[in-house]
Amino acid sequence: ANPRTLGPLPAGEAALAAWFQAVSPRTAGFNTIDVGAML
């Protein structure tokens, strides 16, 4: 529901971005959404 992160993305892209955000902190530290805008 956050309009600055996953909100504007279609459901499939939002799910993929959420998956990448869950994997990335444990490995490389990349991001697909604005981490500064996260809740």
PDB file of all heavy atoms in Angstrom:
ATOM      1  N   ALA A   1       0.813  -1.221   0.000  1.00  0.00           N
ATOM      2  CA  ALA A   1       0.000   0.000   0.000  1.00  0.00           C
ATOM      3  C   ALA A   1       0.848   1.274   0.000  1.00  0.00           C
ATOM      4  O   ALA A   1       0.300   2.365  -0.067  1.00  0.00           O
ATOM      5  CB  ALA A   1      -0.918   0.000   1.209  1.00  0.00           C
ATOM      6  N   ASN A   2       2.168   1.134   0.068  1.00  0.00           N
ATOM      7  CA  ASN A   2       3.055   2.296   0.096  1.00  0.00           C
ATOM      8  C   ASN A   2       3.235   2.828  -1.332  1.00  0.00           C
ATOM      9  O   ASN A   2       3.828   2.159  -2.170  1.00  0.00           O
ATOM     10  CB  ASN A   2       4.410   1.909   0.696  1.00  0.00           C
ATOM     11  CG  ASN A   2       5.321   3.091   0.922  1.00  0.00           C
ATOM     12  OD1 ASN A   2       5.107   4.169   0.398  1.00  0.00           O
ATOM     13  ND2 ASN A   2       6.361   2.865   1.703  1.00  0.00           N
ATOM     14  N   PRO A   3       2.755   4.030  -1.626  1.00  0.00           N
ATOM     15  CA  PRO A   3       2.842   4.560  -2.993  1.00  0.00           C
ATOM     16  C   PRO A   3       4.266   4.916  -3.432  1.00  0.00           C
ATOM     17  O   PRO A   3       4.507   5.145  -4.610  1.00  0.00           O
ATOM     18  CB  PRO A   3       1.964   5.810  -2.951  1.00  0.00           C
ATOM     19  CG  PRO A   3       1.931   6.213  -1.518  1.00  0.00           C
ATOM     20  CD  PRO A   3       2.076   4.941  -0.727  1.00  0.00           C
ATOM     21  N   ARG A   4       5.211   4.892  -2.501  1.00  0.00           N
ATOM     22  CA  ARG A   4       6.589   5.222  -2.848  1.00  0.00           C
ATOM     23  C   ARG A   4       7.452   3.991  -3.081  1.00  0.00           C
ATOM     24  O   ARG A   4       8.619   4.117  -3.442  1.00  0.00           O
ATOM     25  CB  ARG A   4       7.189   6.084  -1.748  1.00  0.00           C
ATOM     26  CG  ARG A   4       6.463   7.436  -1.638  1.00  0.00           C
ATOM     27  CD  ARG A   4       6.959   8.294  -0.515  1.00  0.00           C
ATOM     28  NE  ARG A   4       8.389   8.513  -0.596  1.00  0.00           N
ATOM     29  CZ  ARG A   4       9.149   8.826   0.450  1.00  0.00           C
ATOM     30  NH1 ARG A   4       8.596   8.950   1.641  1.00  0.00           N
ATOM     31  NH2 ARG A   4      10.437   9.017   0.303  1.00  0.00           N
ATOM     32  N   THR A   5       6.889   2.788  -2.859  1.00  0.00           N
ATOM     33  CA  THR A   5       7.681   1.568  -3.061  1.00  0.00           C
ATOM     34  C   THR A   5       6.935   0.589  -3.975  1.00  0.00           C
ATOM     35  O   THR A   5       7.044   0.682  -5.183  1.00  0.00           O
ATOM     36  CB  THR A   5       8.037   0.913  -1.717  1.00  0.00           C
ATOM     37  OG1 THR A   5       6.839   0.629  -0.986  1.00  0.00           O
ATOM     38  CG2 THR A   5       8.945   1.800  -0.878  1.00  0.00           C
ATOM     39  N   LEU A   6       6.171  -0.329  -3.416  1.00  0.00           N
ATOM     40  CA  LEU A   6       5.488  -1.343  -4.218  1.00  0.00           C
ATOM     41  C   LEU A   6       4.122  -0.900  -4.730  1.00  0.00           C
ATOM     42  O   LEU A   6       3.578  -1.519  -5.639  1.00  0.00           O
ATOM     43  CB  LEU A   6       5.304  -2.632  -3.406  1.00  0.00           C
ATOM     44  CG  LEU A   6       6.570  -3.345  -2.947  1.00  0.00           C
ATOM     45  CD1 LEU A   6       6.200  -4.594  -2.164  1.00  0.00           C
ATOM     46  CD2 LEU A   6       7.476  -3.681  -4.103  1.00  0.00           C
ATOM     47  N   GLY A   7       3.574   0.152  -4.175  1.00  0.00           N
ATOM     48  CA  GLY A   7       2.225   0.599  -4.513  1.00  0.00           C
ATOM     49  C   GLY A   7       1.943   0.783  -5.990  1.00  0.00           C
ATOM     50  O   GLY A   7       0.942   0.277  -6.498  1.00  0.00           O
ATOM     51  N   PRO A   8       2.785   1.497  -6.741  1.00  0.00           N
ATOM     52  CA  PRO A   8       2.464   1.736  -8.152  1.00  0.00           C
ATOM     53  C   PRO A   8       2.738   0.546  -9.083  1.00  0.00           C
ATOM     54  O   PRO A   8       2.358   0.576 -10.252  1.00  0.00           O
ATOM     55  CB  PRO A   8       3.357   2.920  -8.529  1.00  0.00           C
ATOM     56  CG  PRO A   8       4.455   2.915  -7.551  1.00  0.00           C
ATOM     57  CD  PRO A   8       3.914   2.293  -6.293  1.00  0.00           C
ATOM     58  N   LEU A   9       3.351  -0.504  -8.571  1.00  0.00           N
ATOM     59  CA  LEU A   9       3.694  -1.650  -9.416  1.00  0.00           C
ATOM     60  C   LEU A   9       2.511  -2.594  -9.580  1.00  0.00           C
ATOM     61  O   LEU A   9       1.729  -2.780  -8.644  1.00  0.00           O
ATOM     62  CB  LEU A   9       4.869  -2.420  -8.801  1.00  0.00           C
ATOM     63  CG  LEU A   9       6.176  -1.661  -8.621  1.00  0.00           C
ATOM     64  CD1 LEU A   9       7.187  -2.538  -7.885  1.00  0.00           C
ATOM     65  CD2 LEU A   9       6.733  -1.213  -9.954  1.00  0.00           C
ATOM     66  N   PRO A  10       2.400  -3.236 -10.750  1.00  0.00           N
ATOM     67  CA  PRO A  10       1.398  -4.299 -10.904  1.00  0.00           C
ATOM     68  C   PRO A  10       1.705  -5.443  -9.926  1.00  0.00           C
ATOM     69  O   PRO A  10       2.840  -5.576  -9.455  1.00  0.00           O
ATOM     70  CB  PRO A  10       1.571  -4.773 -12.348  1.00  0.00           C
ATOM     71  CG  PRO A  10       2.327  -3.687 -13.031  1.00  0.00           C
ATOM     72  CD  PRO A  10       3.128  -2.985 -11.985  1.00  0.00           C
ATOM     73  N   ALA A  11       0.727  -6.250  -9.624  1.00  0.00           N
ATOM     74  CA  ALA A  11       0.867  -7.295  -8.605  1.00  0.00           C
ATOM     75  C   ALA A  11       2.062  -8.218  -8.854  1.00  0.00           C
ATOM     76  O   ALA A  11       2.811  -8.525  -7.928  1.00  0.00           O
ATOM     77  CB  ALA A  11      -0.416  -8.112  -8.510  1.00  0.00           C
ATOM     78  N   GLY A  12       2.250  -8.652 -10.080  1.00  0.00           N
ATOM     79  CA  GLY A  12       3.363  -9.553 -10.389  1.00  0.00           C
ATOM     80  C   GLY A  12       4.716  -8.900 -10.180  1.00  0.00           C
ATOM     81  O   GLY A  12       5.630  -9.508  -9.613  1.00  0.00           O
ATOM     82  N   GLU A  13       4.853  -7.663 -10.610  1.00  0.00           N
ATOM     83  CA  GLU A  13       6.110  -6.944 -10.429  1.00  0.00           C
ATOM     84  C   GLU A  13       6.345  -6.628  -8.958  1.00  0.00           C
ATOM     85  O   GLU A  13       7.487  -6.665  -8.483  1.00  0.00           O
ATOM     86  CB  GLU A  13       6.118  -5.658 -11.250  1.00  0.00           C
ATOM     87  CG  GLU A  13       6.269  -5.881 -12.734  1.00  0.00           C
ATOM     88  CD  GLU A  13       6.303  -4.563 -13.507  1.00  0.00           C
ATOM     89  OE1 GLU A  13       6.762  -3.553 -12.957  1.00  0.00           O
ATOM     90  OE2 GLU A  13       5.862  -4.578 -14.664  1.00  0.00           O
ATOM     91  N   ALA A  14       5.282  -6.309  -8.235  1.00  0.00           N
ATOM     92  CA  ALA A  14       5.408  -6.033  -6.803  1.00  0.00           C
ATOM     93  C   ALA A  14       5.866  -7.284  -6.054  1.00  0.00           C
ATOM     94  O   ALA A  14       6.717  -7.207  -5.164  1.00  0.00           O
ATOM     95  CB  ALA A  14       4.085  -5.532  -6.239  1.00  0.00           C
ATOM     96  N   ALA A  15       5.335  -8.436  -6.416  1.00  0.00           N
ATOM     97  CA  ALA A  15       5.743  -9.691  -5.787  1.00  0.00           C
ATOM     98  C   ALA A  15       7.204  -9.997  -6.099  1.00  0.00           C
ATOM     99  O   ALA A  15       7.960 -10.414  -5.216  1.00  0.00           O
ATOM    100  CB  ALA A  15       4.849 -10.834  -6.251  1.00  0.00           C
ATOM    101  N   LEU A  16       7.621  -9.778  -7.333  1.00  0.00           N
ATOM    102  CA  LEU A  16       9.009 -10.016  -7.709  1.00  0.00           C
ATOM    103  C   LEU A  16       9.951  -9.049  -6.992  1.00  0.00           C
ATOM    104  O   LEU A  16      11.018  -9.445  -6.511  1.00  0.00           O
ATOM    105  CB  LEU A  16       9.177  -9.888  -9.227  1.00  0.00           C
ATOM    106  CG  LEU A  16      10.533 -10.271  -9.794  1.00  0.00           C
ATOM    107  CD1 LEU A  16      10.879 -11.706  -9.455  1.00  0.00           C
ATOM    108  CD2 LEU A  16      10.546 -10.062 -11.292  1.00  0.00           C
ATOM    109  N   ALA A  17       9.553  -7.784  -6.889  1.00  0.00           N
ATOM    110  CA  ALA A  17      10.369  -6.795  -6.175  1.00  0.00           C
ATOM    111  C   ALA A  17      10.458  -7.142  -4.691  1.00  0.00           C
ATOM    112  O   ALA A  17      11.520  -6.995  -4.078  1.00  0.00           O
ATOM    113  CB  ALA A  17       9.797  -5.403  -6.372  1.00  0.00           C
ATOM    114  N   ALA A  18       9.365  -7.613  -4.094  1.00  0.00           N
ATOM    115  CA  ALA A  18       9.383  -8.027  -2.692  1.00  0.00           C
ATOM    116  C   ALA A  18      10.290  -9.229  -2.504  1.00  0.00           C
ATOM    117  O   ALA A  18      11.046  -9.308  -1.527  1.00  0.00           O
ATOM    118  CB  ALA A  18       7.965  -8.347  -2.216  1.00  0.00           C
ATOM    119  N   TRP A  19      10.246 -10.168  -3.431  1.00  0.00           N
ATOM    120  CA  TRP A  19      11.131 -11.337  -3.367  1.00  0.00           C
ATOM    121  C   TRP A  19      12.587 -10.904  -3.438  1.00  0.00           C
ATOM    122  O   TRP A  19      13.421 -11.352  -2.645  1.00  0.00           O
ATOM    123  CB  TRP A  19      10.802 -12.307  -4.513  1.00  0.00           C
ATOM    124  CG  TRP A  19      11.776 -13.441  -4.602  1.00  0.00           C
ATOM    125  CD1 TRP A  19      11.800 -14.567  -3.833  1.00  0.00           C
ATOM    126  CD2 TRP A  19      12.872 -13.543  -5.508  1.00  0.00           C
ATOM    127  NE1 TRP A  19      12.850 -15.358  -4.211  1.00  0.00           N
ATOM    128  CE2 TRP A  19      13.527 -14.758  -5.229  1.00  0.00           C
ATOM    129  CE3 TRP A  19      13.364 -12.729  -6.521  1.00  0.00           C
ATOM    130  CZ2 TRP A  19      14.647 -15.168  -5.930  1.00  0.00           C
ATOM    131  CZ3 TRP A  19      14.479 -13.142  -7.216  1.00  0.00           C
ATOM    132  CH2 TRP A  19      15.117 -14.350  -6.930  1.00  0.00           C
ATOM    133  N   PHE A  20      12.908 -10.002  -4.368  1.00  0.00           N
ATOM    134  CA  PHE A  20      14.282  -9.535  -4.512  1.00  0.00           C
ATOM    135  C   PHE A  20      14.734  -8.803  -3.252  1.00  0.00           C
ATOM    136  O   PHE A  20      15.870  -8.966  -2.808  1.00  0.00           O
ATOM    137  CB  PHE A  20      14.411  -8.630  -5.737  1.00  0.00           C
ATOM    138  CG  PHE A  20      15.835  -8.357  -6.123  1.00  0.00           C
ATOM    139  CD1 PHE A  20      16.547  -9.264  -6.881  1.00  0.00           C
ATOM    140  CD2 PHE A  20      16.466  -7.189  -5.714  1.00  0.00           C
ATOM    141  CE1 PHE A  20      17.862  -9.023  -7.228  1.00  0.00           C
ATOM    142  CE2 PHE A  20      17.779  -6.929  -6.053  1.00  0.00           C
ATOM    143  CZ  PHE A  20      18.484  -7.854  -6.818  1.00  0.00           C
ATOM    144  N   GLN A  21      13.833  -8.008  -2.656  1.00  0.00           N
ATOM    145  CA  GLN A  21      14.174  -7.293  -1.426  1.00  0.00           C
ATOM    146  C   GLN A  21      14.376  -8.250  -0.258  1.00  0.00           C
ATOM    147  O   GLN A  21      15.093  -7.936   0.675  1.00  0.00           O
ATOM    148  CB  GLN A  21      13.095  -6.278  -1.072  1.00  0.00           C
ATOM    149  CG  GLN A  21      13.187  -4.983  -1.802  1.00  0.00           C
ATOM    150  CD  GLN A  21      14.526  -4.292  -1.673  1.00  0.00           C
ATOM    151  OE1 GLN A  21      15.176  -4.017  -2.661  1.00  0.00           O
ATOM    152  NE2 GLN A  21      14.959  -4.010  -0.471  1.00  0.00           N
ATOM    153  N   ALA A  22      13.747  -9.415  -0.284  1.00  0.00           N
ATOM    154  CA  ALA A  22      13.935 -10.403   0.776  1.00  0.00           C
ATOM    155  C   ALA A  22      15.227 -11.189   0.591  1.00  0.00           C
ATOM    156  O   ALA A  22      15.846 -11.598   1.569  1.00  0.00           O
ATOM    157  CB  ALA A  22      12.741 -11.364   0.815  1.00  0.00           C
ATOM    158  N   VAL A  23      15.660 -11.387  -0.648  1.00  0.00           N
ATOM    159  CA  VAL A  23      16.877 -12.145  -0.930  1.00  0.00           C
ATOM    160  C   VAL A  23      18.116 -11.266  -0.796  1.00  0.00           C
ATOM    161  O   VAL A  23      19.115 -11.660  -0.207  1.00  0.00           O
ATOM    162  CB  VAL A  23      16.821 -12.758  -2.350  1.00  0.00           C
ATOM    163  CG1 VAL A  23      18.160 -13.355  -2.740  1.00  0.00           C
ATOM    164  CG2 VAL A  23      15.739 -13.796  -2.441  1.00  0.00           C
ATOM    165  N   SER A  24      18.054 -10.081  -1.330  1.00  0.00           N
ATOM    166  CA  SER A  24      19.215  -9.212  -1.451  1.00  0.00           C
ATOM    167  C   SER A  24      19.894  -8.838  -0.130  1.00  0.00           C
ATOM    168  O   SER A  24      21.119  -8.829  -0.075  1.00  0.00           O
ATOM    169  CB  SER A  24      18.813  -7.957  -2.220  1.00  0.00           C
ATOM    170  OG  SER A  24      19.920  -7.116  -2.383  1.00  0.00           O
ATOM    171  N   PRO A  25      19.187  -8.528   0.953  1.00  0.00           N
ATOM    172  CA  PRO A  25      19.893  -8.159   2.184  1.00  0.00           C
ATOM    173  C   PRO A  25      20.768  -9.274   2.754  1.00  0.00           C
ATOM    174  O   PRO A  25      21.706  -9.017   3.484  1.00  0.00           O
ATOM    175  CB  PRO A  25      18.773  -7.830   3.174  1.00  0.00           C
ATOM    176  CG  PRO A  25      17.594  -7.528   2.348  1.00  0.00           C
ATOM    177  CD  PRO A  25      17.751  -8.338   1.102  1.00  0.00           C
ATOM    178  N   ARG A  26      20.470 -10.508   2.409  1.00  0.00           N
ATOM    179  CA  ARG A  26      21.256 -11.625   2.933  1.00  0.00           C
ATOM    180  C   ARG A  26      22.434 -11.960   2.043  1.00  0.00           C
ATOM    181  O   ARG A  26      23.271 -12.762   2.402  1.00  0.00           O
ATOM    182  CB  ARG A  26      20.374 -12.859   3.102  1.00  0.00           C
ATOM    183  CG  ARG A  26      19.309 -12.649   4.162  1.00  0.00           C
ATOM    184  CD  ARG A  26      18.439 -13.847   4.337  1.00  0.00           C
ATOM    185  NE  ARG A  26      17.757 -14.159   3.090  1.00  0.00           N
ATOM    186  CZ  ARG A  26      17.450 -15.385   2.706  1.00  0.00           C
ATOM    187  NH1 ARG A  26      17.740 -16.396   3.453  1.00  0.00           N
ATOM    188  NH2 ARG A  26      16.832 -15.577   1.571  1.00  0.00           N
ATOM    189  N   THR A  27      22.507 -11.346   0.862  1.00  0.00           N
ATOM    190  CA  THR A  27      23.576 -11.702  -0.065  1.00  0.00           C
ATOM    191  C   THR A  27      24.357 -10.469  -0.518  1.00  0.00           C
ATOM    192  O   THR A  27      25.369 -10.133   0.042  1.00  0.00           O
ATOM    193  CB  THR A  27      23.014 -12.448  -1.290  1.00  0.00           C
ATOM    194  OG1 THR A  27      22.027 -11.625  -1.926  1.00  0.00           O
ATOM    195  CG2 THR A  27      22.358 -13.762  -0.899  1.00  0.00           C
ATOM    196  N   ALA A  28      23.861  -9.766  -1.517  1.00  0.00           N
ATOM    197  CA  ALA A  28      24.633  -8.713  -2.172  1.00  0.00           C
ATOM    198  C   ALA A  28      24.305  -7.300  -1.701  1.00  0.00           C
ATOM    199  O   ALA A  28      25.129  -6.416  -1.793  1.00  0.00           O
ATOM    200  CB  ALA A  28      24.406  -8.794  -3.681  1.00  0.00           C
ATOM    201  N   GLY A  29      23.113  -7.054  -1.221  1.00  0.00           N
ATOM    202  CA  GLY A  29      22.746  -5.726  -0.764  1.00  0.00           C
ATOM    203  C   GLY A  29      22.179  -4.818  -1.841  1.00  0.00           C
ATOM    204  O   GLY A  29      22.059  -3.617  -1.631  1.00  0.00           O
ATOM    205  N   PHE A  30      21.819  -5.358  -2.990  1.00  0.00           N
ATOM    206  CA  PHE A  30      21.181  -4.557  -4.037  1.00  0.00           C
ATOM    207  C   PHE A  30      19.735  -4.264  -3.641  1.00  0.00           C
ATOM    208  O   PHE A  30      19.204  -4.868  -2.726  1.00  0.00           O
ATOM    209  CB  PHE A  30      21.188  -5.296  -5.384  1.00  0.00           C
ATOM    210  CG  PHE A  30      22.568  -5.601  -5.886  1.00  0.00           C
ATOM    211  CD1 PHE A  30      22.961  -6.903  -6.109  1.00  0.00           C
ATOM    212  CD2 PHE A  30      23.468  -4.590  -6.140  1.00  0.00           C
ATOM    213  CE1 PHE A  30      24.225  -7.189  -6.584  1.00  0.00           C
ATOM    214  CE2 PHE A  30      24.733  -4.864  -6.608  1.00  0.00           C
ATOM    215  CZ  PHE A  30      25.115  -6.175  -6.828  1.00  0.00           C
ATOM    216  N   ASN A  31      19.100  -3.342  -4.356  1.00  0.00           N
ATOM    217  CA  ASN A  31      17.686  -3.095  -4.093  1.00  0.00           C
ATOM    218  C   ASN A  31      16.956  -2.760  -5.388  1.00  0.00           C
ATOM    219  O   ASN A  31      17.560  -2.298  -6.344  1.00  0.00           O
ATOM    220  CB  ASN A  31      17.483  -1.992  -3.051  1.00  0.00           C
ATOM    221  CG  ASN A  31      18.131  -0.697  -3.452  1.00  0.00           C
ATOM    222  OD1 ASN A  31      18.599  -0.532  -4.562  1.00  0.00           O
ATOM    223  ND2 ASN A  31      18.174   0.235  -2.536  1.00  0.00           N
ATOM    224  N   THR A  32      15.668  -3.027  -5.398  1.00  0.00           N
ATOM    225  CA  THR A  32      14.828  -2.737  -6.555  1.00  0.00           C
ATOM    226  C   THR A  32      13.838  -1.630  -6.263  1.00  0.00           C
ATOM    227  O   THR A  32      13.231  -1.099  -7.178  1.00  0.00           O
ATOM    228  CB  THR A  32      14.036  -3.995  -6.982  1.00  0.00           C
ATOM    229  OG1 THR A  32      13.330  -4.489  -5.857  1.00  0.00           O
ATOM    230  CG2 THR A  32      14.956  -5.061  -7.510  1.00  0.00           C
ATOM    231  N   ILE A  33      13.652  -1.326  -5.001  1.00  0.00           N
ATOM    232  CA  ILE A  33      12.763  -0.231  -4.610  1.00  0.00           C
ATOM    233  C   ILE A  33      13.564   0.743  -3.748  1.00  0.00           C
ATOM    234  O   ILE A  33      14.646   0.410  -3.265  1.00  0.00           O
ATOM    235  CB  ILE A  33      11.515  -0.733  -3.849  1.00  0.00           C
ATOM    236  CG1 ILE A  33      11.899  -1.490  -2.585  1.00  0.00           C
ATOM    237  CG2 ILE A  33      10.643  -1.597  -4.739  1.00  0.00           C
ATOM    238  CD1 ILE A  33      10.723  -1.925  -1.732  1.00  0.00           C
ATOM    239  N   ASP A  34      13.041   1.936  -3.575  1.00  0.00           N
ATOM    240  CA  ASP A  34      13.703   2.962  -2.792  1.00  0.00           C
ATOM    241  C   ASP A  34      13.672   2.582  -1.314  1.00  0.00           C
ATOM    242  O   ASP A  34      12.629   2.633  -0.676  1.00  0.00           O
ATOM    243  CB  ASP A  34      13.014   4.304  -3.024  1.00  0.00           C
ATOM    244  CG  ASP A  34      13.687   5.455  -2.305  1.00  0.00           C
ATOM    245  OD1 ASP A  34      14.792   5.255  -1.754  1.00  0.00           O
ATOM    246  OD2 ASP A  34      13.113   6.555  -2.316  1.00  0.00           O
ATOM    247  N   VAL A  35      14.810   2.177  -0.796  1.00  0.00           N
ATOM    248  CA  VAL A  35      14.886   1.729   0.597  1.00  0.00           C
ATOM    249  C   VAL A  35      14.567   2.879   1.545  1.00  0.00           C
ATOM    250  O   VAL A  35      13.952   2.675   2.591  1.00  0.00           O
ATOM    251  CB  VAL A  35      16.280   1.130   0.901  1.00  0.00           C
ATOM    252  CG1 VAL A  35      16.413   0.751   2.356  1.00  0.00           C
ATOM    253  CG2 VAL A  35      16.536  -0.072   0.016  1.00  0.00           C
ATOM    254  N   GLY A  36      14.928   4.092   1.179  1.00  0.00           N
ATOM    255  CA  GLY A  36      14.633   5.245   2.011  1.00  0.00           C
ATOM    256  C   GLY A  36      13.152   5.542   2.135  1.00  0.00           C
ATOM    257  O   GLY A  36      12.731   6.237   3.052  1.00  0.00           O
ATOM    258  N   ALA A  37      12.349   5.018   1.218  1.00  0.00           N
ATOM    259  CA  ALA A  37      10.900   5.249   1.242  1.00  0.00           C
ATOM    260  C   ALA A  37      10.145   4.116   1.935  1.00  0.00           C
ATOM    261  O   ALA A  37       8.930   4.193   2.080  1.00  0.00           O
ATOM    262  CB  ALA A  37      10.380   5.417  -0.177  1.00  0.00           C
ATOM    263  N   MET A  38      10.856   3.085   2.356  1.00  0.00           N
ATOM    264  CA  MET A  38      10.197   1.958   3.015  1.00  0.00           C
ATOM    265  C   MET A  38       9.698   2.357   4.399  1.00  0.00           C
ATOM    266  O   MET A  38      10.250   3.247   5.038  1.00  0.00           O
ATOM    267  CB  MET A  38      11.157   0.766   3.128  1.00  0.00           C
ATOM    268  CG  MET A  38      11.474   0.121   1.798  1.00  0.00           C
ATOM    269  SD  MET A  38      12.740  -1.163   1.908  1.00  0.00           S
ATOM    270  CE  MET A  38      11.864  -2.444   2.760  1.00  0.00           C
ATOM    271  N   LEU A  39       8.661   1.687   4.846  1.00  0.00           N
ATOM    272  CA  LEU A  39       8.116   1.912   6.177  1.00  0.00           C
ATOM    273  C   LEU A  39       9.115   1.428   7.234  1.00  0.00           C
ATOM    274  O   LEU A  39       9.884   0.498   6.978  1.00  0.00           O
ATOM    275  CB  LEU A  39       6.799   1.161   6.343  1.00  0.00           C
ATOM    276  CG  LEU A  39       5.681   1.544   5.363  1.00  0.00           C
ATOM    277  CD1 LEU A  39       4.513   0.586   5.504  1.00  0.00           C
ATOM    278  CD2 LEU A  39       5.247   2.973   5.604  1.00  0.00           C
TER     279      LEU A  39
END
